[in-house]
C-alpha atoms as a PDB file:
ATOM      1  CA  MET A   1      17.550 -33.967  -5.146  1.00  0.00           C
ATOM      2  CA  LYS A   2      20.170 -31.217  -4.956  1.00  0.00           C
ATOM      3  CA  LYS A   3      17.911 -28.829  -6.874  1.00  0.00           C
ATOM      4  CA  ILE A   4      15.033 -29.439  -4.476  1.00  0.00           C
ATOM      5  CA  LEU A   5      17.306 -28.841  -1.493  1.00  0.00           C
ATOM      6  CA  LEU A   6      18.655 -25.657  -3.077  1.00  0.00           C
ATOM      7  CA  ILE A   7      15.126 -24.356  -3.774  1.00  0.00           C
ATOM      8  CA  PHE A   8      14.116 -25.172  -0.197  1.00  0.00           C
ATOM      9  CA  LEU A   9      17.132 -23.312   1.222  1.00  0.00           C
ATOM     10  CA  ILE A  10      16.464 -20.270  -0.969  1.00  0.00           C
ATOM     11  CA  ALA A  11      12.809 -20.206   0.120  1.00  0.00           C
ATOM     12  CA  LEU A  12      13.844 -20.521   3.765  1.00  0.00           C
ATOM     13  CA  PHE A  13      16.358 -17.687   3.390  1.00  0.00           C
ATOM     14  CA  MET A  14      13.779 -15.435   1.687  1.00  0.00           C
ATOM     15  CA  SER A  15      11.185 -16.049   4.412  1.00  0.00           C
ATOM     16  CA  LEU A  16      13.809 -15.260   7.052  1.00  0.00           C
ATOM     17  CA  ILE A  17      14.591 -11.931   5.372  1.00  0.00           C
ATOM     18  CA  THR A  18      10.885 -11.097   5.163  1.00  0.00           C
ATOM     19  CA  ALA A  19      10.367 -11.934   8.843  1.00  0.00           C
ATOM     20  CA  CYS A  20      13.262  -9.700   9.876  1.00  0.00           C
ATOM     21  CA  ASN A  21      11.977  -6.776   7.818  1.00  0.00           C
ATOM     22  CA  THR A  22       8.408  -6.947   9.127  1.00  0.00           C
ATOM     23  CA  SER A  23       9.436  -7.148  12.780  1.00  0.00           C
ATOM     24  CA  LYS A  24      11.361  -3.866  12.626  1.00  0.00           C
ATOM     25  CA  LYS A  25       9.747  -1.130  14.693  1.00  0.00           C
ATOM     26  CA  ILE A  26      10.603   2.522  14.981  1.00  0.00           C
ATOM     27  CA  SER A  27      11.870   3.766  18.321  1.00  0.00           C
ATOM     28  CA  GLU A  28      10.269   6.382  20.531  1.00  0.00           C
ATOM     29  CA  GLU A  29      12.973   8.876  19.528  1.00  0.00           C
ATOM     30  CA  GLU A  30      12.319   8.260  15.822  1.00  0.00           C
ATOM     31  CA  ALA A  31       8.579   8.787  16.372  1.00  0.00           C
ATOM     32  CA  LYS A  32       9.249  12.067  18.202  1.00  0.00           C
ATOM     33  CA  GLN A  33      11.446  13.287  15.357  1.00  0.00           C
ATOM     34  CA  ILE A  34       8.796  12.391  12.755  1.00  0.00           C
ATOM     35  CA  ALA A  35       6.167  14.360  14.712  1.00  0.00           C
ATOM     36  CA  LEU A  36       8.415  17.398  15.246  1.00  0.00           C
ATOM     37  CA  THR A  37       9.407  17.492  11.573  1.00  0.00           C
ATOM     38  CA  ARG A  38       5.785  17.288  10.434  1.00  0.00           C
ATOM     39  CA  ALA A  39       4.725  19.985  12.933  1.00  0.00           C
ATOM     40  CA  GLU A  40       7.326  22.323  11.435  1.00  0.00           C
ATOM     41  CA  GLU A  41       5.896  21.644   7.966  1.00  0.00           C
ATOM     42  CA  ILE A  42       2.317  22.254   9.141  1.00  0.00           C
ATOM     43  CA  ASP A  43       3.110  25.537  10.907  1.00  0.00           C
ATOM     44  CA  LYS A  44       5.738  26.792   8.479  1.00  0.00           C
ATOM     45  CA  SER A  45       4.061  30.175   7.980  1.00  0.00           C
ATOM     46  CA  LEU A  46       3.436  30.738  11.717  1.00  0.00           C
ATOM     47  CA  SER A  47       6.978  29.833  12.843  1.00  0.00           C
ATOM     48  CA  ARG A  48       5.788  28.223  16.068  1.00  0.00           C
ATOM     49  CA  THR A  49       8.106  26.159  18.215  1.00  0.00           C
ATOM     50  CA  TYR A  50       6.829  22.816  19.488  1.00  0.00           C
ATOM     51  CA  ILE A  51       8.138  20.511  22.184  1.00  0.00           C
ATOM     52  CA  VAL A  52       7.173  16.934  22.995  1.00  0.00           C
ATOM     53  CA  HIS A  53       4.648  17.033  25.833  1.00  0.00           C
ATOM     54  CA  GLU A  54       3.479  13.435  26.051  1.00  0.00           C
ATOM     55  CA  VAL A  55       4.385  10.103  24.468  1.00  0.00           C
ATOM     56  CA  SER A  56       2.443   6.869  24.757  1.00  0.00           C
ATOM     57  CA  LYS A  57       2.177   3.611  22.910  1.00  0.00           C
ATOM     58  CA  GLY A  58      -1.145   2.119  21.938  1.00  0.00           C
ATOM     59  CA  SER A  59      -3.008   0.615  19.022  1.00  0.00           C
ATOM     60  CA  GLU A  60      -5.225   1.967  16.279  1.00  0.00           C
ATOM     61  CA  SER A  61      -7.220  -0.535  14.194  1.00  0.00           C
ATOM     62  CA  SER A  62      -5.103  -3.320  15.733  1.00  0.00           C
ATOM     63  CA  LYS A  63      -1.862  -1.636  14.569  1.00  0.00           C
ATOM     64  CA  PRO A  64       0.771  -0.655  17.127  1.00  0.00           C
ATOM     65  CA  VAL A  65       1.094   3.144  17.151  1.00  0.00           C
ATOM     66  CA  TRP A  66       3.058   5.870  18.869  1.00  0.00           C
ATOM     67  CA  MET A  67       0.841   8.693  20.123  1.00  0.00           C
ATOM     68  CA  ILE A  68       2.842  11.898  20.349  1.00  0.00           C
ATOM     69  CA  ASN A  69       1.450  15.137  21.799  1.00  0.00           C
ATOM     70  CA  LEU A  70       3.312  18.333  20.892  1.00  0.00           C
ATOM     71  CA  ILE A  71       2.602  21.701  22.478  1.00  0.00           C
ATOM     72  CA  ASN A  72       3.450  25.176  21.267  1.00  0.00           C
ATOM     73  CA  VAL A  73       5.930  26.960  23.548  1.00  0.00           C
ATOM     74  CA  ASP A  74       5.860  30.395  21.902  1.00  0.00           C
ATOM     75  CA  LYS A  75       4.615  33.063  24.301  1.00  0.00           C
ATOM     76  CA  THR A  76       3.612  35.431  21.490  1.00  0.00           C
ATOM     77  CA  SER A  77       1.084  33.181  19.760  1.00  0.00           C
ATOM     78  CA  VAL A  78      -2.080  31.355  20.708  1.00  0.00           C
ATOM     79  CA  SER A  79      -1.286  28.098  22.456  1.00  0.00           C
ATOM     80  CA  SER A  80      -1.794  25.014  20.372  1.00  0.00           C
ATOM     81  CA  SER A  81      -1.411  21.287  20.647  1.00  0.00           C
ATOM     82  CA  LEU A  82      -0.933  18.620  17.988  1.00  0.00           C
ATOM     83  CA  TRP A  83      -1.561  14.893  18.433  1.00  0.00           C
ATOM     84  CA  PHE A  84       0.223  12.551  16.032  1.00  0.00           C
ATOM     85  CA  TYR A  85      -0.650   8.887  15.590  1.00  0.00           C
ATOM     86  CA  ILE A  86       2.368   7.200  14.009  1.00  0.00           C
ATOM     87  CA  ASP A  87       2.479   3.576  12.844  1.00  0.00           C
ATOM     88  CA  ALA A  88       5.078   1.914  15.091  1.00  0.00           C
ATOM     89  CA  LYS A  89       6.226  -0.423  12.320  1.00  0.00           C
ATOM     90  CA  THR A  90       6.461   1.845   9.291  1.00  0.00           C
ATOM     91  CA  GLY A  91       6.798   5.328  10.758  1.00  0.00           C
ATOM     92  CA  LYS A  92       3.900   6.524   8.617  1.00  0.00           C
ATOM     93  CA  ILE A  93       1.708   9.246  10.121  1.00  0.00           C
ATOM     94  CA  LEU A  94      -1.797   7.791  10.387  1.00  0.00           C
ATOM     95  CA  MET A  95      -3.584  10.832  11.791  1.00  0.00           C
ATOM     96  CA  VAL A  96      -2.956  14.362  13.087  1.00  0.00           C
ATOM     97  CA  ASN A  97      -5.356  16.168  15.421  1.00  0.00           C
ATOM     98  CA  GLY A  98      -4.813  19.671  16.676  1.00  0.00           C
ATOM     99  CA  TYR A  99      -6.252  22.822  18.103  1.00  0.00           C
END
């Protein structure tokens, strides 16, 4: 009986840990930083400076996502804009669109 109770408690504890890990979501500030860092990597050779222009939360394929729009603020180069779709749970970049 004690072994069954112990196994049950371990299983309950493990499911609690799993539930806590899957409910974690990245903040708006973390999403902005992910987008800015990736924009620097994309435009490394052009040395453009981007700022956050627009932030919204939505869903893509039933996943919660942060949609971050960055704009180029350099006066010497052609203006550009990058849209990042970032998974709100994992922080993974799902898609980047730009012009």
